[in-house]
Amino acid sequence: MPGNIGLPEVLVVLVIALIIFGPKRLPELGKALGKGIRELRSSISGKDDDDDDKPEIESGAKAGEPVQGEAVQGEVVTEHRP
């Protein structure tokens, strides 16, 4: 009978958790558990939410190339106007 978890088993676990932790801490534990599961799933799938560090590439520019009109660090910029 391994793997068969029904409603009675879930209720028993919830009652035991309620007795051990009390009604005030139970919602906090549920939030923490949910957050941990979400972080675990995102780390397993390889999806990162911290894409804010990466600079956005302007349309028309290839990755690694400077955008027209922007100076690159260490580059001497001189304008030649005819």
N, C-alpha and C. Protein backbone atom coordinates (compact mmCIF):
# COMPACT_ATOMS: atom_id res chain seq x y z
N MET A 1 0.80 -1.18 0.00
CA MET A 1 0.00 0.00 0.00
C MET A 1 0.86 1.27 0.00
N PRO A 2 2.12 1.21 -0.40
CA PRO A 2 2.94 2.42 -0.44
C PRO A 2 2.48 3.35 -1.55
N GLY A 3 2.53 4.66 -1.28
CA GLY A 3 2.16 5.63 -2.29
C GLY A 3 0.72 6.05 -2.26
N ASN A 4 -0.11 5.37 -1.49
CA ASN A 4 -1.53 5.72 -1.42
C ASN A 4 -1.76 6.62 -0.21
N ILE A 5 -1.83 7.92 -0.46
CA ILE A 5 -2.11 8.86 0.62
C ILE A 5 -3.49 9.43 0.36
N GLY A 6 -4.39 9.17 1.27
CA GLY A 6 -5.76 9.63 1.10
C GLY A 6 -6.10 10.75 2.05
N LEU A 7 -7.36 11.09 2.07
CA LEU A 7 -7.85 12.17 2.93
C LEU A 7 -7.66 11.88 4.42
N PRO A 8 -7.92 10.66 4.89
CA PRO A 8 -7.72 10.41 6.33
C PRO A 8 -6.26 10.60 6.78
N GLU A 9 -5.32 10.18 5.96
CA GLU A 9 -3.91 10.34 6.31
C GLU A 9 -3.51 11.81 6.36
N VAL A 10 -4.00 12.58 5.38
CA VAL A 10 -3.68 14.01 5.35
C VAL A 10 -4.27 14.71 6.57
N LEU A 11 -5.50 14.37 6.95
CA LEU A 11 -6.12 14.95 8.13
C LEU A 11 -5.35 14.63 9.41
N VAL A 12 -4.88 13.39 9.53
CA VAL A 12 -4.10 13.01 10.71
C VAL A 12 -2.82 13.84 10.79
N VAL A 13 -2.13 14.01 9.66
CA VAL A 13 -0.90 14.80 9.64
C VAL A 13 -1.19 16.25 10.01
N LEU A 14 -2.28 16.82 9.48
CA LEU A 14 -2.63 18.20 9.80
C LEU A 14 -2.99 18.38 11.27
N VAL A 15 -3.70 17.44 11.86
CA VAL A 15 -4.05 17.52 13.27
C VAL A 15 -2.80 17.44 14.13
N ILE A 16 -1.88 16.56 13.80
CA ILE A 16 -0.63 16.45 14.56
C ILE A 16 0.18 17.73 14.44
N ALA A 17 0.25 18.30 13.23
CA ALA A 17 0.98 19.56 13.04
C ALA A 17 0.32 20.69 13.82
N LEU A 18 -1.00 20.71 13.87
CA LEU A 18 -1.73 21.74 14.63
C LEU A 18 -1.43 21.61 16.12
N ILE A 19 -1.38 20.40 16.62
CA ILE A 19 -1.09 20.18 18.04
C ILE A 19 0.35 20.58 18.37
N ILE A 20 1.29 20.24 17.49
CA ILE A 20 2.71 20.52 17.77
C ILE A 20 3.01 22.01 17.64
N PHE A 21 2.59 22.64 16.56
CA PHE A 21 3.00 24.02 16.28
C PHE A 21 1.99 25.07 16.72
N GLY A 22 0.74 24.72 16.86
CA GLY A 22 -0.27 25.67 17.29
C GLY A 22 -0.88 26.40 16.11
N PRO A 23 -2.04 27.01 16.33
CA PRO A 23 -2.75 27.65 15.22
C PRO A 23 -2.09 28.93 14.71
N LYS A 24 -1.25 29.57 15.51
CA LYS A 24 -0.63 30.83 15.07
C LYS A 24 0.56 30.59 14.15
N ARG A 25 1.32 29.54 14.39
CA ARG A 25 2.52 29.27 13.59
C ARG A 25 2.25 28.44 12.35
N LEU A 26 1.12 27.79 12.27
CA LEU A 26 0.83 26.90 11.14
C LEU A 26 0.78 27.64 9.81
N PRO A 27 0.14 28.82 9.68
CA PRO A 27 0.18 29.53 8.39
C PRO A 27 1.59 29.97 7.99
N GLU A 28 2.41 30.36 8.96
CA GLU A 28 3.79 30.74 8.66
C GLU A 28 4.57 29.55 8.12
N LEU A 29 4.36 28.40 8.72
CA LEU A 29 5.05 27.20 8.25
C LEU A 29 4.58 26.81 6.84
N GLY A 30 3.31 26.99 6.56
CA GLY A 30 2.79 26.70 5.22
C GLY A 30 3.40 27.61 4.17
N LYS A 31 3.52 28.90 4.49
CA LYS A 31 4.15 29.84 3.56
C LYS A 31 5.61 29.48 3.31
N ALA A 32 6.32 29.16 4.39
CA ALA A 32 7.73 28.81 4.26
C ALA A 32 7.91 27.54 3.43
N LEU A 33 7.04 26.57 3.65
CA LEU A 33 7.11 25.33 2.89
C LEU A 33 6.82 25.57 1.41
N GLY A 34 5.80 26.38 1.12
CA GLY A 34 5.46 26.70 -0.27
C GLY A 34 6.59 27.45 -0.98
N LYS A 35 7.20 28.40 -0.27
CA LYS A 35 8.31 29.17 -0.85
C LYS A 35 9.50 28.25 -1.13
N GLY A 36 9.78 27.35 -0.21
CA GLY A 36 10.88 26.40 -0.42
C GLY A 36 10.66 25.49 -1.60
N ILE A 37 9.43 25.02 -1.77
CA ILE A 37 9.11 24.15 -2.91
C ILE A 37 9.24 24.91 -4.22
N ARG A 38 8.75 26.18 -4.25
CA ARG A 38 8.88 27.00 -5.47
C ARG A 38 10.35 27.23 -5.83
N GLU A 39 11.18 27.54 -4.84
CA GLU A 39 12.60 27.75 -5.10
C GLU A 39 13.27 26.48 -5.59
N LEU A 40 12.89 25.35 -5.02
CA LEU A 40 13.46 24.08 -5.44
C LEU A 40 13.08 23.77 -6.89
N ARG A 41 11.82 23.98 -7.24
CA ARG A 41 11.37 23.73 -8.62
C ARG A 41 12.08 24.65 -9.61
N SER A 42 12.23 25.94 -9.25
CA SER A 42 12.87 26.86 -10.19
C SER A 42 14.36 26.54 -10.34
N SER A 43 15.00 26.09 -9.28
CA SER A 43 16.42 25.75 -9.40
C SER A 43 16.61 24.46 -10.20
N ILE A 44 15.68 23.53 -10.09
CA ILE A 44 15.78 22.29 -10.86
C ILE A 44 15.53 22.54 -12.33
N SER A 45 14.55 23.39 -12.64
CA SER A 45 14.22 23.66 -14.04
C SER A 45 15.22 24.60 -14.70
N GLY A 46 16.03 25.29 -13.90
CA GLY A 46 17.05 26.18 -14.46
C GLY A 46 16.55 27.57 -14.75
N LYS A 47 15.34 27.88 -14.38
CA LYS A 47 14.81 29.21 -14.60
C LYS A 47 15.27 30.13 -13.47
N ASP A 48 15.79 31.30 -13.87
CA ASP A 48 16.24 32.27 -12.89
C ASP A 48 15.37 33.49 -12.96
N ASP A 49 15.02 34.03 -11.83
CA ASP A 49 14.22 35.25 -11.79
C ASP A 49 15.10 36.49 -11.70
N ASP A 50 16.41 36.31 -11.54
CA ASP A 50 17.29 37.45 -11.35
C ASP A 50 17.95 37.86 -12.67
N ASP A 51 17.15 38.06 -13.71
CA ASP A 51 17.65 38.51 -15.01
C ASP A 51 17.83 40.01 -15.04
N ASP A 52 17.60 40.71 -13.93
CA ASP A 52 17.73 42.16 -13.89
C ASP A 52 19.19 42.61 -14.02
N ASP A 53 20.15 41.74 -13.68
CA ASP A 53 21.56 42.10 -13.74
C ASP A 53 22.06 42.21 -15.18
N LYS A 54 21.47 41.44 -16.07
CA LYS A 54 21.94 41.38 -17.44
C LYS A 54 21.46 42.60 -18.22
N PRO A 55 22.36 43.24 -18.97
CA PRO A 55 21.91 44.39 -19.76
C PRO A 55 21.07 43.92 -20.95
N GLU A 56 20.09 44.72 -21.27
CA GLU A 56 19.24 44.38 -22.40
C GLU A 56 19.93 44.80 -23.69
N ILE A 57 19.77 43.99 -24.71
CA ILE A 57 20.39 44.27 -26.00
C ILE A 57 19.41 45.08 -26.83
N GLU A 58 19.91 46.17 -27.39
CA GLU A 58 19.07 47.02 -28.24
C GLU A 58 18.70 46.25 -29.50
N SER A 59 17.57 46.57 -30.07
CA SER A 59 17.16 45.90 -31.29
C SER A 59 18.11 46.27 -32.42
N GLY A 60 18.50 45.30 -33.19
CA GLY A 60 19.40 45.54 -34.31
C GLY A 60 20.86 45.31 -33.94
N ALA A 61 21.19 45.20 -32.68
CA ALA A 61 22.58 44.98 -32.28
C ALA A 61 22.77 43.50 -31.95
N LYS A 62 23.92 42.98 -32.30
CA LYS A 62 24.24 41.60 -32.00
C LYS A 62 24.85 41.54 -30.61
N ALA A 63 24.79 40.36 -30.01
CA ALA A 63 25.35 40.18 -28.68
C ALA A 63 26.86 40.42 -28.72
N GLY A 64 27.37 41.22 -27.80
CA GLY A 64 28.79 41.49 -27.72
C GLY A 64 29.23 42.70 -28.51
N GLU A 65 28.39 43.24 -29.36
CA GLU A 65 28.75 44.43 -30.14
C GLU A 65 28.21 45.68 -29.46
N PRO A 66 28.98 46.77 -29.50
CA PRO A 66 28.46 48.01 -28.90
C PRO A 66 27.35 48.59 -29.76
N VAL A 67 26.44 49.26 -29.11
CA VAL A 67 25.34 49.92 -29.80
C VAL A 67 25.88 51.21 -30.41
N GLN A 68 25.41 51.56 -31.59
CA GLN A 68 25.88 52.75 -32.29
C GLN A 68 25.76 53.98 -31.40
N GLY A 69 26.85 54.72 -31.25
CA GLY A 69 26.84 55.94 -30.47
C GLY A 69 27.26 55.75 -29.03
N GLU A 70 27.42 54.52 -28.57
CA GLU A 70 27.85 54.27 -27.20
C GLU A 70 29.35 54.05 -27.17
N ALA A 71 30.00 54.62 -26.17
CA ALA A 71 31.43 54.41 -25.99
C ALA A 71 31.67 53.11 -25.24
N VAL A 72 32.68 52.39 -25.64
CA VAL A 72 33.06 51.16 -24.98
C VAL A 72 34.20 51.49 -24.04
N GLN A 73 34.25 50.86 -22.89
CA GLN A 73 35.28 51.15 -21.90
C GLN A 73 36.66 50.93 -22.52
N GLY A 74 37.51 51.95 -22.41
CA GLY A 74 38.86 51.87 -22.95
C GLY A 74 38.96 52.33 -24.39
N GLU A 75 37.86 52.70 -25.01
CA GLU A 75 37.86 53.11 -26.40
C GLU A 75 37.97 54.63 -26.48
N VAL A 76 38.81 55.11 -27.39
CA VAL A 76 38.92 56.55 -27.62
C VAL A 76 37.89 56.92 -28.67
N VAL A 77 37.03 57.86 -28.32
CA VAL A 77 35.96 58.24 -29.22
C VAL A 77 36.30 59.59 -29.85
N THR A 78 36.40 59.59 -31.16
CA THR A 78 36.61 60.84 -31.89
C THR A 78 35.58 60.91 -32.97
N GLU A 79 35.05 62.08 -33.18
CA GLU A 79 34.04 62.25 -34.21
C GLU A 79 34.67 62.93 -35.41
N HIS A 80 34.47 62.35 -36.55
CA HIS A 80 34.94 62.95 -37.80
C HIS A 80 33.73 63.41 -38.56
N ARG A 81 33.61 64.71 -38.68
CA ARG A 81 32.48 65.26 -39.43
C ARG A 81 33.03 65.91 -40.72
N PRO A 82 32.47 65.48 -41.82
CA PRO A 82 32.95 66.08 -43.08
C PRO A 82 32.47 67.49 -43.29
